[in-house]
Structure formats: C-alpha cells, structure tokens
Amino acid sequence: MKNNPIVPYILIMALGIALIFFLSLDGVGKQKENAEGDEGTKTEETASGGDEALVQTCIGCHGADLKGGMGPSLIGLDKERIVDVLTNGIEGTPMTPGMKSKEEAEKIADYITSLK
C-alpha cells in the first residue's frame, strides 16, 4: 500500500486551524485585561501628543481626513453628537459604549468640529 502524499498537508492544515481556534479563545479571554492595560498608556500618549493623537483610533473607519470610509464622515457633526457617540456608542456598530471618557470625548469633539 502506497502512502498518500496529501495526508501530511491535511494534518498540517488541521493543526493550523486548531491553533487559530485556541489562540482566538485565549485572545477573547484576555481582551478585557488587555484593554485595561492599554487604557493608561493611551491617556498619557493623547495628553502629550496633541489633538491629532486623539483621533488616531477614528481614522481606521472614518478615513485619514475623517470625511468617511467604512464609517460616515465626521466633518460637520456637532460637538454634542460626537461626545454622545464616543461615550454611549451606537448599537449594532463598532462604536461601543464607553469607548472614550467624557473628558477625552470632549477633546476629540473640539478637534473634529474645528476641522473644515
């Protein structure tokens, strides 16, 4: 009986899928811990880095110019709406409640509303 040359590839693929699955479970379990650990760092960076540093997390969805991408344009929104979304989120979107503190949200809103 000949050895099937595809068997090692199937075993490697199965091992890879299992590894991805278990690493994902581990990441989900540590998600809150990682978020809490980064909180202090982000606050210090944004406090010293200026207003542009505050919107770095926005760029991924709203575009480098904040005029829209996967998410809508932020240009032209009023300050109250921006603060509300950053603190309370929008259900069914990546904008989750508590993304930013009220203080950070107000700084971000001031910066965004100053853009033209």
PDB file of N, CA and C in Angstrom:
ATOM      1  N   MET A   1       0.840  -1.175   0.000  1.00  0.00           N
ATOM      2  CA  MET A   1       0.000   0.000   0.000  1.00  0.00           C
ATOM      3  C   MET A   1       0.887   1.241   0.000  1.00  0.00           C
ATOM      4  N   LYS A   2       0.582   2.183  -0.916  1.00  0.00           N
ATOM      5  CA  LYS A   2       1.373   3.404  -1.030  1.00  0.00           C
ATOM      6  C   LYS A   2       0.909   4.439  -0.022  1.00  0.00           C
ATOM      7  N   ASN A   3       1.845   5.272   0.411  1.00  0.00           N
ATOM      8  CA  ASN A   3       1.494   6.402   1.273  1.00  0.00           C
ATOM      9  C   ASN A   3       0.857   7.497   0.439  1.00  0.00           C
ATOM     10  N   ASN A   4      -0.183   8.074   0.976  1.00  0.00           N
ATOM     11  CA  ASN A   4      -0.865   9.162   0.278  1.00  0.00           C
ATOM     12  C   ASN A   4      -0.101  10.458   0.547  1.00  0.00           C
ATOM     13  N   PRO A   5       0.401  11.147  -0.507  1.00  0.00           N
ATOM     14  CA  PRO A   5       1.216  12.343  -0.296  1.00  0.00           C
ATOM     15  C   PRO A   5       0.425  13.540   0.246  1.00  0.00           C
ATOM     16  N   ILE A   6      -0.887  13.490   0.208  1.00  0.00           N
ATOM     17  CA  ILE A   6      -1.695  14.622   0.671  1.00  0.00           C
ATOM     18  C   ILE A   6      -1.939  14.588   2.181  1.00  0.00           C
ATOM     19  N   VAL A   7      -1.759  13.435   2.818  1.00  0.00           N
ATOM     20  CA  VAL A   7      -2.034  13.282   4.241  1.00  0.00           C
ATOM     21  C   VAL A   7      -1.230  14.267   5.106  1.00  0.00           C
ATOM     22  N   PRO A   8       0.073  14.452   4.882  1.00  0.00           N
ATOM     23  CA  PRO A   8       0.802  15.422   5.723  1.00  0.00           C
ATOM     24  C   PRO A   8       0.241  16.846   5.598  1.00  0.00           C
ATOM     25  N   TYR A   9      -0.188  17.220   4.400  1.00  0.00           N
ATOM     26  CA  TYR A   9      -0.741  18.561   4.202  1.00  0.00           C
ATOM     27  C   TYR A   9      -2.071  18.734   4.939  1.00  0.00           C
ATOM     28  N   ILE A  10      -2.869  17.700   4.932  1.00  0.00           N
ATOM     29  CA  ILE A  10      -4.147  17.748   5.651  1.00  0.00           C
ATOM     30  C   ILE A  10      -3.895  17.848   7.161  1.00  0.00           C
ATOM     31  N   LEU A  11      -2.921  17.095   7.655  1.00  0.00           N
ATOM     32  CA  LEU A  11      -2.587  17.160   9.077  1.00  0.00           C
ATOM     33  C   LEU A  11      -2.078  18.552   9.467  1.00  0.00           C
ATOM     34  N   ILE A  12      -1.231  19.147   8.639  1.00  0.00           N
ATOM     35  CA  ILE A  12      -0.723  20.496   8.909  1.00  0.00           C
ATOM     36  C   ILE A  12      -1.865  21.506   8.892  1.00  0.00           C
ATOM     37  N   MET A  13      -2.779  21.371   7.933  1.00  0.00           N
ATOM     38  CA  MET A  13      -3.922  22.272   7.847  1.00  0.00           C
ATOM     39  C   MET A  13      -4.799  22.142   9.097  1.00  0.00           C
ATOM     40  N   ALA A  14      -5.070  20.909   9.519  1.00  0.00           N
ATOM     41  CA  ALA A  14      -5.897  20.692  10.705  1.00  0.00           C
ATOM     42  C   ALA A  14      -5.221  21.264  11.948  1.00  0.00           C
ATOM     43  N   LEU A  15      -3.918  21.092  12.063  1.00  0.00           N
ATOM     44  CA  LEU A  15      -3.176  21.658  13.179  1.00  0.00           C
ATOM     45  C   LEU A  15      -3.259  23.188  13.160  1.00  0.00           C
ATOM     46  N   GLY A  16      -3.114  23.783  11.995  1.00  0.00           N
ATOM     47  CA  GLY A  16      -3.198  25.239  11.861  1.00  0.00           C
ATOM     48  C   GLY A  16      -4.560  25.772  12.256  1.00  0.00           C
ATOM     49  N   ILE A  17      -5.616  25.118  11.817  1.00  0.00           N
ATOM     50  CA  ILE A  17      -6.977  25.540  12.160  1.00  0.00           C
ATOM     51  C   ILE A  17      -7.207  25.421  13.662  1.00  0.00           C
ATOM     52  N   ALA A  18      -6.761  24.327  14.246  1.00  0.00           N
ATOM     53  CA  ALA A  18      -6.917  24.143  15.696  1.00  0.00           C
ATOM     54  C   ALA A  18      -6.126  25.206  16.458  1.00  0.00           C
ATOM     55  N   LEU A  19      -4.926  25.518  15.995  1.00  0.00           N
ATOM     56  CA  LEU A  19      -4.105  26.534  16.640  1.00  0.00           C
ATOM     57  C   LEU A  19      -4.776  27.904  16.576  1.00  0.00           C
ATOM     58  N   ILE A  20      -5.300  28.269  15.428  1.00  0.00           N
ATOM     59  CA  ILE A  20      -6.006  29.545  15.283  1.00  0.00           C
ATOM     60  C   ILE A  20      -7.205  29.594  16.219  1.00  0.00           C
ATOM     61  N   PHE A  21      -7.963  28.505  16.284  1.00  0.00           N
ATOM     62  CA  PHE A  21      -9.142  28.450  17.143  1.00  0.00           C
ATOM     63  C   PHE A  21      -8.769  28.673  18.606  1.00  0.00           C
ATOM     64  N   PHE A  22      -7.766  27.940  19.092  1.00  0.00           N
ATOM     65  CA  PHE A  22      -7.403  28.041  20.503  1.00  0.00           C
ATOM     66  C   PHE A  22      -6.744  29.379  20.833  1.00  0.00           C
ATOM     67  N   LEU A  23      -5.974  29.926  19.916  1.00  0.00           N
ATOM     68  CA  LEU A  23      -5.396  31.253  20.152  1.00  0.00           C
ATOM     69  C   LEU A  23      -6.485  32.327  20.165  1.00  0.00           C
ATOM     70  N   SER A  24      -7.506  32.159  19.350  1.00  0.00           N
ATOM     71  CA  SER A  24      -8.622  33.100  19.357  1.00  0.00           C
ATOM     72  C   SER A  24      -9.355  33.052  20.691  1.00  0.00           C
ATOM     73  N   LEU A  25      -9.588  31.860  21.206  1.00  0.00           N
ATOM     74  CA  LEU A  25     -10.236  31.732  22.511  1.00  0.00           C
ATOM     75  C   LEU A  25      -9.396  32.392  23.597  1.00  0.00           C
ATOM     76  N   ASP A  26      -8.103  32.208  23.527  1.00  0.00           N
ATOM     77  CA  ASP A  26      -7.209  32.821  24.500  1.00  0.00           C
ATOM     78  C   ASP A  26      -7.274  34.341  24.387  1.00  0.00           C
ATOM     79  N   GLY A  27      -7.316  34.862  23.179  1.00  0.00           N
ATOM     80  CA  GLY A  27      -7.403  36.311  22.973  1.00  0.00           C
ATOM     81  C   GLY A  27      -8.704  36.890  23.479  1.00  0.00           C
ATOM     82  N   VAL A  28      -9.806  36.180  23.272  1.00  0.00           N
ATOM     83  CA  VAL A  28     -11.093  36.649  23.767  1.00  0.00           C
ATOM     84  C   VAL A  28     -11.079  36.704  25.282  1.00  0.00           C
ATOM     85  N   GLY A  29     -10.467  35.729  25.911  1.00  0.00           N
ATOM     86  CA  GLY A  29     -10.387  35.699  27.365  1.00  0.00           C
ATOM     87  C   GLY A  29      -9.539  36.832  27.928  1.00  0.00           C
ATOM     88  N   LYS A  30      -8.555  37.274  27.175  1.00  0.00           N
ATOM     89  CA  LYS A  30      -7.652  38.327  27.651  1.00  0.00           C
ATOM     90  C   LYS A  30      -8.024  39.706  27.113  1.00  0.00           C
ATOM     91  N   GLN A  31      -9.098  39.803  26.356  1.00  0.00           N
ATOM     92  CA  GLN A  31      -9.475  41.065  25.728  1.00  0.00           C
ATOM     93  C   GLN A  31      -9.675  42.174  26.754  1.00  0.00           C
ATOM     94  N   LYS A  32     -10.424  41.905  27.792  1.00  0.00           N
ATOM     95  CA  LYS A  32     -10.692  42.922  28.809  1.00  0.00           C
ATOM     96  C   LYS A  32      -9.410  43.300  29.544  1.00  0.00           C
ATOM     97  N   GLU A  33      -8.598  42.301  29.865  1.00  0.00           N
ATOM     98  CA  GLU A  33      -7.332  42.556  30.548  1.00  0.00           C
ATOM     99  C   GLU A  33      -6.427  43.444  29.697  1.00  0.00           C
ATOM    100  N   ASN A  34      -6.338  43.163  28.407  1.00  0.00           N
ATOM    101  CA  ASN A  34      -5.514  43.959  27.512  1.00  0.00           C
ATOM    102  C   ASN A  34      -6.049  45.371  27.368  1.00  0.00           C
ATOM    103  N   ALA A  35      -7.349  45.516  27.289  1.00  0.00           N
ATOM    104  CA  ALA A  35      -7.956  46.839  27.160  1.00  0.00           C
ATOM    105  C   ALA A  35      -7.671  47.681  28.393  1.00  0.00           C
ATOM    106  N   GLU A  36      -7.762  47.088  29.566  1.00  0.00           N
ATOM    107  CA  GLU A  36      -7.488  47.816  30.800  1.00  0.00           C
ATOM    108  C   GLU A  36      -6.015  48.184  30.896  1.00  0.00           C
ATOM    109  N   GLY A  37      -5.140  47.321  30.424  1.00  0.00           N
ATOM    110  CA  GLY A  37      -3.711  47.600  30.470  1.00  0.00           C
ATOM    111  C   GLY A  37      -3.302  48.716  29.540  1.00  0.00           C
ATOM    112  N   ASP A  38      -3.976  48.862  28.387  1.00  0.00           N
ATOM    113  CA  ASP A  38      -3.647  49.895  27.422  1.00  0.00           C
ATOM    114  C   ASP A  38      -4.261  51.236  27.770  1.00  0.00           C
ATOM    115  N   GLU A  39      -5.277  51.256  28.609  1.00  0.00           N
ATOM    116  CA  GLU A  39      -6.014  52.491  28.916  1.00  0.00           C
ATOM    117  C   GLU A  39      -5.101  53.595  29.416  1.00  0.00           C
ATOM    118  N   GLY A  40      -4.254  53.309  30.391  1.00  0.00           N
ATOM    119  CA  GLY A  40      -3.369  54.319  30.942  1.00  0.00           C
ATOM    120  C   GLY A  40      -2.370  54.821  29.924  1.00  0.00           C
ATOM    121  N   THR A  41      -1.857  53.940  29.092  1.00  0.00           N
ATOM    122  CA  THR A  41      -0.900  54.322  28.075  1.00  0.00           C
ATOM    123  C   THR A  41      -1.526  55.263  27.072  1.00  0.00           C
ATOM    124  N   LYS A  42      -2.737  54.932  26.616  1.00  0.00           N
ATOM    125  CA  LYS A  42      -3.404  55.777  25.635  1.00  0.00           C
ATOM    126  C   LYS A  42      -3.666  57.166  26.198  1.00  0.00           C
ATOM    127  N   THR A  43      -4.090  57.250  27.438  1.00  0.00           N
ATOM    128  CA  THR A  43      -4.381  58.542  28.048  1.00  0.00           C
ATOM    129  C   THR A  43      -3.119  59.388  28.114  1.00  0.00           C
ATOM    130  N   GLU A  44      -2.001  58.784  28.518  1.00  0.00           N
ATOM    131  CA  GLU A  44      -0.761  59.534  28.596  1.00  0.00           C
ATOM    132  C   GLU A  44      -0.310  59.983  27.217  1.00  0.00           C
ATOM    133  N   GLU A  45      -0.409  59.099  26.219  1.00  0.00           N
ATOM    134  CA  GLU A  45       0.003  59.450  24.868  1.00  0.00           C
ATOM    135  C   GLU A  45      -0.845  60.579  24.311  1.00  0.00           C
ATOM    136  N   THR A  46      -2.147  60.496  24.483  1.00  0.00           N
ATOM    137  CA  THR A  46      -3.013  61.514  23.914  1.00  0.00           C
ATOM    138  C   THR A  46      -2.856  62.836  24.630  1.00  0.00           C
ATOM    139  N   ALA A  47      -2.586  62.802  25.916  1.00  0.00           N
ATOM    140  CA  ALA A  47      -2.416  64.051  26.644  1.00  0.00           C
ATOM    141  C   ALA A  47      -1.166  64.773  26.178  1.00  0.00           C
ATOM    142  N   SER A  48      -0.115  64.027  25.856  1.00  0.00           N
ATOM    143  CA  SER A  48       1.122  64.670  25.443  1.00  0.00           C
ATOM    144  C   SER A  48       1.216  64.830  23.929  1.00  0.00           C
ATOM    145  N   GLY A  49       0.436  64.064  23.156  1.00  0.00           N
ATOM    146  CA  GLY A  49       0.579  64.059  21.713  1.00  0.00           C
ATOM    147  C   GLY A  49      -0.281  65.053  20.974  1.00  0.00           C
ATOM    148  N   GLY A  50      -1.142  65.777  21.622  1.00  0.00           N
ATOM    149  CA  GLY A  50      -1.972  66.753  20.952  1.00  0.00           C
ATOM    150  C   GLY A  50      -3.264  66.148  20.453  1.00  0.00           C
ATOM    151  N   ASP A  51      -4.086  67.002  19.856  1.00  0.00           N
ATOM    152  CA  ASP A  51      -5.414  66.595  19.412  1.00  0.00           C
ATOM    153  C   ASP A  51      -5.380  65.556  18.298  1.00  0.00           C
ATOM    154  N   GLU A  52      -4.391  65.623  17.415  1.00  0.00           N
ATOM    155  CA  GLU A  52      -4.316  64.659  16.317  1.00  0.00           C
ATOM    156  C   GLU A  52      -4.191  63.237  16.835  1.00  0.00           C
ATOM    157  N   ALA A  53      -3.461  63.054  17.928  1.00  0.00           N
ATOM    158  CA  ALA A  53      -3.289  61.718  18.509  1.00  0.00           C
ATOM    159  C   ALA A  53      -4.609  61.165  19.014  1.00  0.00           C
ATOM    160  N   LEU A  54      -5.503  62.032  19.446  1.00  0.00           N
ATOM    161  CA  LEU A  54      -6.794  61.583  19.956  1.00  0.00           C
ATOM    162  C   LEU A  54      -7.633  60.905  18.880  1.00  0.00           C
ATOM    163  N   VAL A  55      -7.517  61.336  17.637  1.00  0.00           N
ATOM    164  CA  VAL A  55      -8.373  60.795  16.580  1.00  0.00           C
ATOM    165  C   VAL A  55      -7.720  59.640  15.816  1.00  0.00           C
ATOM    166  N   GLN A  56      -6.566  59.167  16.260  1.00  0.00           N
ATOM    167  CA  GLN A  56      -5.908  58.057  15.578  1.00  0.00           C
ATOM    168  C   GLN A  56      -6.788  56.818  15.525  1.00  0.00           C
ATOM    169  N   THR A  57      -7.570  56.566  16.550  1.00  0.00           N
ATOM    170  CA  THR A  57      -8.446  55.396  16.542  1.00  0.00           C
ATOM    171  C   THR A  57      -9.629  55.593  15.612  1.00  0.00           C
ATOM    172  N   CYS A  58      -9.941  56.822  15.248  1.00  0.00           N
ATOM    173  CA  CYS A  58     -11.078  57.116  14.372  1.00  0.00           C
ATOM    174  C   CYS A  58     -10.726  56.878  12.901  1.00  0.00           C
ATOM    175  N   ILE A  59      -9.455  57.056  12.566  1.00  0.00           N
ATOM    176  CA  ILE A  59      -9.007  57.033  11.182  1.00  0.00           C
ATOM    177  C   ILE A  59      -9.297  55.704  10.500  1.00  0.00           C
ATOM    178  N   GLY A  60      -9.198  54.611  11.226  1.00  0.00           N
ATOM    179  CA  GLY A  60      -9.400  53.296  10.631  1.00  0.00           C
ATOM    180  C   GLY A  60     -10.748  53.145   9.951  1.00  0.00           C
ATOM    181  N   CYS A  61     -11.788  53.711  10.525  1.00  0.00           N
ATOM    182  CA  CYS A  61     -13.138  53.580   9.953  1.00  0.00           C
ATOM    183  C   CYS A  61     -13.608  54.839   9.228  1.00  0.00           C
ATOM    184  N   HIS A  62     -13.167  55.996   9.700  1.00  0.00           N
ATOM    185  CA  HIS A  62     -13.694  57.244   9.160  1.00  0.00           C
ATOM    186  C   HIS A  62     -12.760  57.911   8.162  1.00  0.00           C
ATOM    187  N   GLY A  63     -11.637  57.274   7.836  1.00  0.00           N
ATOM    188  CA  GLY A  63     -10.710  57.796   6.845  1.00  0.00           C
ATOM    189  C   GLY A  63      -9.689  58.749   7.452  1.00  0.00           C
ATOM    190  N   ALA A  64      -8.558  58.895   6.764  1.00  0.00           N
ATOM    191  CA  ALA A  64      -7.466  59.730   7.266  1.00  0.00           C
ATOM    192  C   ALA A  64      -7.884  61.184   7.413  1.00  0.00           C
ATOM    193  N   ASP A  65      -8.806  61.632   6.562  1.00  0.00           N
ATOM    194  CA  ASP A  65      -9.275  63.011   6.647  1.00  0.00           C
ATOM    195  C   ASP A  65     -10.592  63.119   7.417  1.00  0.00           C
ATOM    196  N   LEU A  66     -11.055  61.989   7.974  1.00  0.00           N
ATOM    197  CA  LEU A  66     -12.304  61.894   8.745  1.00  0.00           C
ATOM    198  C   LEU A  66     -13.534  62.254   7.920  1.00  0.00           C
ATOM    199  N   LYS A  67     -13.399  62.177   6.580  1.00  0.00           N
ATOM    200  CA  LYS A  67     -14.518  62.500   5.695  1.00  0.00           C
ATOM    201  C   LYS A  67     -15.273  61.252   5.256  1.00  0.00           C
ATOM    202  N   GLY A  68     -15.005  60.161   5.909  1.00  0.00           N
ATOM    203  CA  GLY A  68     -15.754  58.940   5.633  1.00  0.00           C
ATOM    204  C   GLY A  68     -14.885  57.844   5.058  1.00  0.00           C
ATOM    205  N   GLY A  69     -15.263  56.663   5.337  1.00  0.00           N
ATOM    206  CA  GLY A  69     -14.613  55.449   4.867  1.00  0.00           C
ATOM    207  C   GLY A  69     -15.629  54.363   5.089  1.00  0.00           C
ATOM    208  N   MET A  70     -15.284  53.386   5.910  1.00  0.00           N
ATOM    209  CA  MET A  70     -16.252  52.376   6.306  1.00  0.00           C
ATOM    210  C   MET A  70     -17.339  53.048   7.158  1.00  0.00           C
ATOM    211  N   GLY A  71     -16.928  54.011   7.966  1.00  0.00           N
ATOM    212  CA  GLY A  71     -17.862  54.786   8.783  1.00  0.00           C
ATOM    213  C   GLY A  71     -18.172  56.107   8.091  1.00  0.00           C
ATOM    214  N   PRO A  72     -19.163  56.822   8.567  1.00  0.00           N
ATOM    215  CA  PRO A  72     -19.559  58.074   7.917  1.00  0.00           C
ATOM    216  C   PRO A  72     -18.559  59.202   8.170  1.00  0.00           C
ATOM    217  N   SER A  73     -18.730  60.294   7.430  1.00  0.00           N
ATOM    218  CA  SER A  73     -17.918  61.481   7.626  1.00  0.00           C
ATOM    219  C   SER A  73     -18.201  62.076   9.003  1.00  0.00           C
ATOM    220  N   LEU A  74     -17.147  62.545   9.646  1.00  0.00           N
ATOM    221  CA  LEU A  74     -17.296  63.195  10.943  1.00  0.00           C
ATOM    222  C   LEU A  74     -17.290  64.716  10.799  1.00  0.00           C
ATOM    223  N   ILE A  75     -16.909  65.181   9.637  1.00  0.00           N
ATOM    224  CA  ILE A  75     -16.850  66.612   9.377  1.00  0.00           C
ATOM    225  C   ILE A  75     -18.276  67.159   9.304  1.00  0.00           C
ATOM    226  N   GLY A  76     -18.521  68.206  10.047  1.00  0.00           N
ATOM    227  CA  GLY A  76     -19.838  68.831  10.039  1.00  0.00           C
ATOM    228  C   GLY A  76     -20.759  68.360  11.159  1.00  0.00           C
ATOM    229  N   LEU A  77     -20.340  67.347  11.911  1.00  0.00           N
ATOM    230  CA  LEU A  77     -21.163  66.905  13.033  1.00  0.00           C
ATOM    231  C   LEU A  77     -21.024  67.893  14.182  1.00  0.00           C
ATOM    232  N   ASP A  78     -22.079  68.032  14.969  1.00  0.00           N
ATOM    233  CA  ASP A  78     -21.986  68.935  16.115  1.00  0.00           C
ATOM    234  C   ASP A  78     -21.306  68.227  17.291  1.00  0.00           C
ATOM    235  N   LYS A  79     -20.759  69.033  18.174  1.00  0.00           N
ATOM    236  CA  LYS A  79     -19.968  68.535  19.298  1.00  0.00           C
ATOM    237  C   LYS A  79     -20.763  67.580  20.171  1.00  0.00           C
ATOM    238  N   GLU A  80     -22.016  67.911  20.445  1.00  0.00           N
ATOM    239  CA  GLU A  80     -22.832  67.080  21.332  1.00  0.00           C
ATOM    240  C   GLU A  80     -23.010  65.671  20.770  1.00  0.00           C
ATOM    241  N   ARG A  81     -23.205  65.573  19.457  1.00  0.00           N
ATOM    242  CA  ARG A  81     -23.398  64.264  18.818  1.00  0.00           C
ATOM    243  C   ARG A  81     -22.117  63.424  18.923  1.00  0.00           C
ATOM    244  N   ILE A  82     -20.980  64.034  18.687  1.00  0.00           N
ATOM    245  CA  ILE A  82     -19.712  63.317  18.756  1.00  0.00           C
ATOM    246  C   ILE A  82     -19.460  62.807  20.179  1.00  0.00           C
ATOM    247  N   VAL A  83     -19.675  63.664  21.166  1.00  0.00           N
ATOM    248  CA  VAL A  83     -19.476  63.265  22.560  1.00  0.00           C
ATOM    249  C   VAL A  83     -20.433  62.134  22.926  1.00  0.00           C
ATOM    250  N   ASP A  84     -21.678  62.240  22.480  1.00  0.00           N
ATOM    251  CA  ASP A  84     -22.673  61.210  22.779  1.00  0.00           C
ATOM    252  C   ASP A  84     -22.260  59.857  22.205  1.00  0.00           C
ATOM    253  N   VAL A  85     -21.838  59.840  20.957  1.00  0.00           N
ATOM    254  CA  VAL A  85     -21.459  58.576  20.315  1.00  0.00           C
ATOM    255  C   VAL A  85     -20.218  57.989  20.967  1.00  0.00           C
ATOM    256  N   LEU A  86     -19.225  58.814  21.283  1.00  0.00           N
ATOM    257  CA  LEU A  86     -17.993  58.303  21.882  1.00  0.00           C
ATOM    258  C   LEU A  86     -18.204  57.769  23.294  1.00  0.00           C
ATOM    259  N   THR A  87     -19.159  58.318  24.001  1.00  0.00           N
ATOM    260  CA  THR A  87     -19.390  57.852  25.373  1.00  0.00           C
ATOM    261  C   THR A  87     -20.480  56.789  25.462  1.00  0.00           C
ATOM    262  N   ASN A  88     -21.523  56.894  24.627  1.00  0.00           N
ATOM    263  CA  ASN A  88     -22.654  55.959  24.712  1.00  0.00           C
ATOM    264  C   ASN A  88     -22.695  54.932  23.591  1.00  0.00           C
ATOM    265  N   GLY A  89     -21.944  55.156  22.527  1.00  0.00           N
ATOM    266  CA  GLY A  89     -21.894  54.217  21.417  1.00  0.00           C
ATOM    267  C   GLY A  89     -23.136  54.254  20.547  1.00  0.00           C
ATOM    268  N   ILE A  90     -23.125  53.401  19.521  1.00  0.00           N
ATOM    269  CA  ILE A  90     -24.263  53.215  18.632  1.00  0.00           C
ATOM    270  C   ILE A  90     -24.464  51.715  18.512  1.00  0.00           C
ATOM    271  N   GLU A  91     -25.620  51.244  18.919  1.00  0.00           N
ATOM    272  CA  GLU A  91     -25.894  49.806  18.920  1.00  0.00           C
ATOM    273  C   GLU A  91     -25.779  49.230  17.508  1.00  0.00           C
ATOM    274  N   GLY A  92     -25.148  48.070  17.420  1.00  0.00           N
ATOM    275  CA  GLY A  92     -25.012  47.375  16.144  1.00  0.00           C
ATOM    276  C   GLY A  92     -23.849  47.858  15.300  1.00  0.00           C
ATOM    277  N   THR A  93     -22.990  48.707  15.861  1.00  0.00           N
ATOM    278  CA  THR A  93     -21.819  49.207  15.138  1.00  0.00           C
ATOM    279  C   THR A  93     -20.584  48.998  16.000  1.00  0.00           C
ATOM    280  N   PRO A  94     -19.402  49.215  15.422  1.00  0.00           N
ATOM    281  CA  PRO A  94     -18.184  49.123  16.230  1.00  0.00           C
ATOM    282  C   PRO A  94     -18.071  50.223  17.291  1.00  0.00           C
ATOM    283  N   MET A  95     -18.958  51.196  17.255  1.00  0.00           N
ATOM    284  CA  MET A  95     -18.947  52.277  18.240  1.00  0.00           C
ATOM    285  C   MET A  95     -19.634  51.778  19.510  1.00  0.00           C
ATOM    286  N   THR A  96     -18.844  51.206  20.403  1.00  0.00           N
ATOM    287  CA  THR A  96     -19.386  50.615  21.626  1.00  0.00           C
ATOM    288  C   THR A  96     -19.438  51.641  22.754  1.00  0.00           C
ATOM    289  N   PRO A  97     -20.344  51.458  23.692  1.00  0.00           N
ATOM    290  CA  PRO A  97     -20.415  52.378  24.825  1.00  0.00           C
ATOM    291  C   PRO A  97     -19.097  52.399  25.608  1.00  0.00           C
ATOM    292  N   GLY A  98     -18.715  53.581  26.061  1.00  0.00           N
ATOM    293  CA  GLY A  98     -17.516  53.714  26.879  1.00  0.00           C
ATOM    294  C   GLY A  98     -16.213  53.703  26.114  1.00  0.00           C
ATOM    295  N   MET A  99     -16.256  53.957  24.803  1.00  0.00           N
ATOM    296  CA  MET A  99     -15.014  53.962  24.021  1.00  0.00           C
ATOM    297  C   MET A  99     -14.039  55.004  24.553  1.00  0.00           C
ATOM    298  N   LYS A 100     -14.564  56.130  24.931  1.00  0.00           N
ATOM    299  CA  LYS A 100     -13.745  57.221  25.459  1.00  0.00           C
ATOM    300  C   LYS A 100     -14.425  57.783  26.698  1.00  0.00           C
ATOM    301  N   SER A 101     -13.625  58.344  27.577  1.00  0.00           N
ATOM    302  CA  SER A 101     -14.188  59.021  28.741  1.00  0.00           C
ATOM    303  C   SER A 101     -14.828  60.321  28.261  1.00  0.00           C
ATOM    304  N   LYS A 102     -15.661  60.894  29.083  1.00  0.00           N
ATOM    305  CA  LYS A 102     -16.336  62.157  28.730  1.00  0.00           C
ATOM    306  C   LYS A 102     -15.297  63.231  28.413  1.00  0.00           C
ATOM    307  N   GLU A 103     -14.234  63.276  29.200  1.00  0.00           N
ATOM    308  CA  GLU A 103     -13.178  64.271  29.003  1.00  0.00           C
ATOM    309  C   GLU A 103     -12.488  64.081  27.646  1.00  0.00           C
ATOM    310  N   GLU A 104     -12.108  62.836  27.331  1.00  0.00           N
ATOM    311  CA  GLU A 104     -11.473  62.548  26.041  1.00  0.00           C
ATOM    312  C   GLU A 104     -12.433  62.836  24.900  1.00  0.00           C
ATOM    313  N   ALA A 105     -13.684  62.437  25.053  1.00  0.00           N
ATOM    314  CA  ALA A 105     -14.684  62.655  24.012  1.00  0.00           C
ATOM    315  C   ALA A 105     -14.847  64.139  23.709  1.00  0.00           C
ATOM    316  N   GLU A 106     -14.834  64.964  24.732  1.00  0.00           N
ATOM    317  CA  GLU A 106     -14.967  66.402  24.519  1.00  0.00           C
ATOM    318  C   GLU A 106     -13.758  66.975  23.786  1.00  0.00           C
ATOM    319  N   LYS A 107     -12.560  66.494  24.107  1.00  0.00           N
ATOM    320  CA  LYS A 107     -11.350  66.944  23.405  1.00  0.00           C
ATOM    321  C   LYS A 107     -11.408  66.539  21.937  1.00  0.00           C
ATOM    322  N   ILE A 108     -11.817  65.298  21.696  1.00  0.00           N
ATOM    323  CA  ILE A 108     -11.930  64.818  20.318  1.00  0.00           C
ATOM    324  C   ILE A 108     -12.980  65.629  19.568  1.00  0.00           C
ATOM    325  N   ALA A 109     -14.122  65.865  20.189  1.00  0.00           N
ATOM    326  CA  ALA A 109     -15.193  66.630  19.559  1.00  0.00           C
ATOM    327  C   ALA A 109     -14.738  68.050  19.240  1.00  0.00           C
ATOM    328  N   ASP A 110     -14.004  68.676  20.157  1.00  0.00           N
ATOM    329  CA  ASP A 110     -13.476  70.017  19.894  1.00  0.00           C
ATOM    330  C   ASP A 110     -12.566  70.008  18.679  1.00  0.00           C
ATOM    331  N   TYR A 111     -11.699  68.996  18.595  1.00  0.00           N
ATOM    332  CA  TYR A 111     -10.780  68.911  17.470  1.00  0.00           C
ATOM    333  C   TYR A 111     -11.525  68.674  16.160  1.00  0.00           C
ATOM    334  N   ILE A 112     -12.445  67.714  16.151  1.00  0.00           N
ATOM    335  CA  ILE A 112     -13.173  67.382  14.925  1.00  0.00           C
ATOM    336  C   ILE A 112     -14.012  68.561  14.458  1.00  0.00           C
ATOM    337  N   THR A 113     -14.685  69.255  15.364  1.00  0.00           N
ATOM    338  CA  THR A 113     -15.513  70.392  14.951  1.00  0.00           C
ATOM    339  C   THR A 113     -14.674  71.571  14.480  1.00  0.00           C
ATOM    340  N   SER A 114     -13.380  71.581  14.812  1.00  0.00           N
ATOM    341  CA  SER A 114     -12.508  72.658  14.323  1.00  0.00           C
ATOM    342  C   SER A 114     -12.021  72.402  12.904  1.00  0.00           C
ATOM    343  N   LEU A 115     -12.164  71.176  12.411  1.00  0.00           N
ATOM    344  CA  LEU A 115     -11.726  70.833  11.064  1.00  0.00           C
ATOM    345  C   LEU A 115     -12.706  71.350  10.020  1.00  0.00           C
ATOM    346  N   LYS A 116     -12.217  71.687   8.877  1.00  0.00           N
ATOM    347  CA  LYS A 116     -13.083  72.145   7.775  1.00  0.00           C
ATOM    348  C   LYS A 116     -12.973  71.199   6.612  1.00  0.00           C
TER     349      LYS A 116
END
